[in-house]
Amino acid sequence: MALTEIWRKVLDDPELDENSDLIAVGGTSFHVLQITGEIHDALGIDVTLRDVFFHTSPRSLSDFLEGQK
């Protein structure tokens, strides 16, 4: 899952999985900003900071984005 790879890259933790909660693993607002940029660069999708704050795992954000289509 591309979002999981983005979480791993931004948080510098190869052990994260699709259910890893950004906040629970020590993510900050700066990480959220980085994640939105990485998603845009890698997937061409504009995601708001609010989207990531409300959907803090790759799986949750993926499900949310699928529902937006």
C-alpha atoms as a PDB file:
ATOM      1  CA  MET A   1       0.000   0.000   0.000  1.00  0.00           C
ATOM      2  CA  ALA A   2       1.479   3.316  -1.122  1.00  0.00           C
ATOM      3  CA  LEU A   3       0.208   5.197   1.921  1.00  0.00           C
ATOM      4  CA  THR A   4       1.947   2.771   4.260  1.00  0.00           C
ATOM      5  CA  GLU A   5       5.212   3.396   2.444  1.00  0.00           C
ATOM      6  CA  ILE A   6       4.688   7.132   2.858  1.00  0.00           C
ATOM      7  CA  TRP A   7       4.083   6.706   6.615  1.00  0.00           C
ATOM      8  CA  ARG A   8       7.274   4.604   6.847  1.00  0.00           C
ATOM      9  CA  LYS A   9       9.326   7.154   4.933  1.00  0.00           C
ATOM     10  CA  VAL A  10       8.093  10.245   6.762  1.00  0.00           C
ATOM     11  CA  LEU A  11       8.264   8.675  10.216  1.00  0.00           C
ATOM     12  CA  ASP A  12      11.494   6.809   9.403  1.00  0.00           C
ATOM     13  CA  ASP A  13      10.109   3.517  10.694  1.00  0.00           C
ATOM     14  CA  PRO A  14      10.098   0.491   8.358  1.00  0.00           C
ATOM     15  CA  GLU A  15       8.039  -1.509  10.872  1.00  0.00           C
ATOM     16  CA  LEU A  16       4.868   0.555  10.447  1.00  0.00           C
ATOM     17  CA  ASP A  17       1.906  -1.175   8.834  1.00  0.00           C
ATOM     18  CA  GLU A  18      -1.404  -0.093   7.320  1.00  0.00           C
ATOM     19  CA  ASN A  19      -3.000   0.196  10.762  1.00  0.00           C
ATOM     20  CA  SER A  20      -0.234   2.253  12.388  1.00  0.00           C
ATOM     21  CA  ASP A  21      -1.722   5.351  13.953  1.00  0.00           C
ATOM     22  CA  LEU A  22       0.278   8.471  13.158  1.00  0.00           C
ATOM     23  CA  ILE A  23      -0.316  10.056  16.552  1.00  0.00           C
ATOM     24  CA  ALA A  24       0.294   6.880  18.552  1.00  0.00           C
ATOM     25  CA  VAL A  25       3.709   6.396  16.918  1.00  0.00           C
ATOM     26  CA  GLY A  26       4.818   9.936  17.712  1.00  0.00           C
ATOM     27  CA  GLY A  27       3.755  11.801  14.599  1.00  0.00           C
ATOM     28  CA  THR A  28       3.581  15.580  14.787  1.00  0.00           C
ATOM     29  CA  SER A  29       1.891  18.298  12.778  1.00  0.00           C
ATOM     30  CA  PHE A  30       5.129  18.607  10.799  1.00  0.00           C
ATOM     31  CA  HIS A  31       4.846  14.921   9.865  1.00  0.00           C
ATOM     32  CA  VAL A  32       1.262  15.516   8.733  1.00  0.00           C
ATOM     33  CA  LEU A  33       2.492  18.308   6.477  1.00  0.00           C
ATOM     34  CA  GLN A  34       5.166  16.025   5.044  1.00  0.00           C
ATOM     35  CA  ILE A  35       2.642  13.229   4.496  1.00  0.00           C
ATOM     36  CA  THR A  36       0.288  15.483   2.535  1.00  0.00           C
ATOM     37  CA  GLY A  37       3.191  16.562   0.327  1.00  0.00           C
ATOM     38  CA  GLU A  38       4.354  12.995  -0.231  1.00  0.00           C
ATOM     39  CA  ILE A  39       0.836  11.878  -1.141  1.00  0.00           C
ATOM     40  CA  HIS A  40       0.576  14.681  -3.668  1.00  0.00           C
ATOM     41  CA  ASP A  41       3.993  13.925  -5.164  1.00  0.00           C
ATOM     42  CA  ALA A  42       3.577  10.138  -5.278  1.00  0.00           C
ATOM     43  CA  LEU A  43      -0.106   9.772  -6.060  1.00  0.00           C
ATOM     44  CA  GLY A  44      -1.169  13.127  -7.457  1.00  0.00           C
ATOM     45  CA  ILE A  45      -3.904  13.409  -4.835  1.00  0.00           C
ATOM     46  CA  ASP A  46      -4.521  16.582  -2.866  1.00  0.00           C
ATOM     47  CA  VAL A  47      -5.131  15.636   0.759  1.00  0.00           C
ATOM     48  CA  THR A  48      -5.761  18.260   3.408  1.00  0.00           C
ATOM     49  CA  LEU A  49      -4.018  18.391   6.755  1.00  0.00           C
ATOM     50  CA  ARG A  50      -7.431  17.901   8.321  1.00  0.00           C
ATOM     51  CA  ASP A  51      -7.943  14.675   6.332  1.00  0.00           C
ATOM     52  CA  VAL A  52      -4.744  13.220   7.763  1.00  0.00           C
ATOM     53  CA  PHE A  53      -5.524  14.382  11.306  1.00  0.00           C
ATOM     54  CA  PHE A  54      -8.934  12.688  11.135  1.00  0.00           C
ATOM     55  CA  HIS A  55      -7.686   9.547   9.343  1.00  0.00           C
ATOM     56  CA  THR A  56      -4.425   8.832  11.123  1.00  0.00           C
ATOM     57  CA  SER A  57      -3.559   5.421   9.711  1.00  0.00           C
ATOM     58  CA  PRO A  58      -2.795   4.536   6.103  1.00  0.00           C
ATOM     59  CA  ARG A  59      -5.802   2.173   6.046  1.00  0.00           C
ATOM     60  CA  SER A  60      -8.177   4.778   7.445  1.00  0.00           C
ATOM     61  CA  LEU A  61      -6.987   7.453   5.027  1.00  0.00           C
ATOM     62  CA  SER A  62      -7.161   5.027   2.109  1.00  0.00           C
ATOM     63  CA  ASP A  63     -10.743   4.082   2.986  1.00  0.00           C
ATOM     64  CA  PHE A  64     -11.646   7.761   3.274  1.00  0.00           C
ATOM     65  CA  LEU A  65     -10.097   8.603  -0.097  1.00  0.00           C
ATOM     66  CA  GLU A  66     -11.849   5.676  -1.772  1.00  0.00           C
ATOM     67  CA  GLY A  67     -15.134   7.013  -0.452  1.00  0.00           C
ATOM     68  CA  GLN A  68     -14.392  10.417  -1.993  1.00  0.00           C
ATOM     69  CA  LYS A  69     -14.188   9.025  -5.534  1.00  0.00           C
END
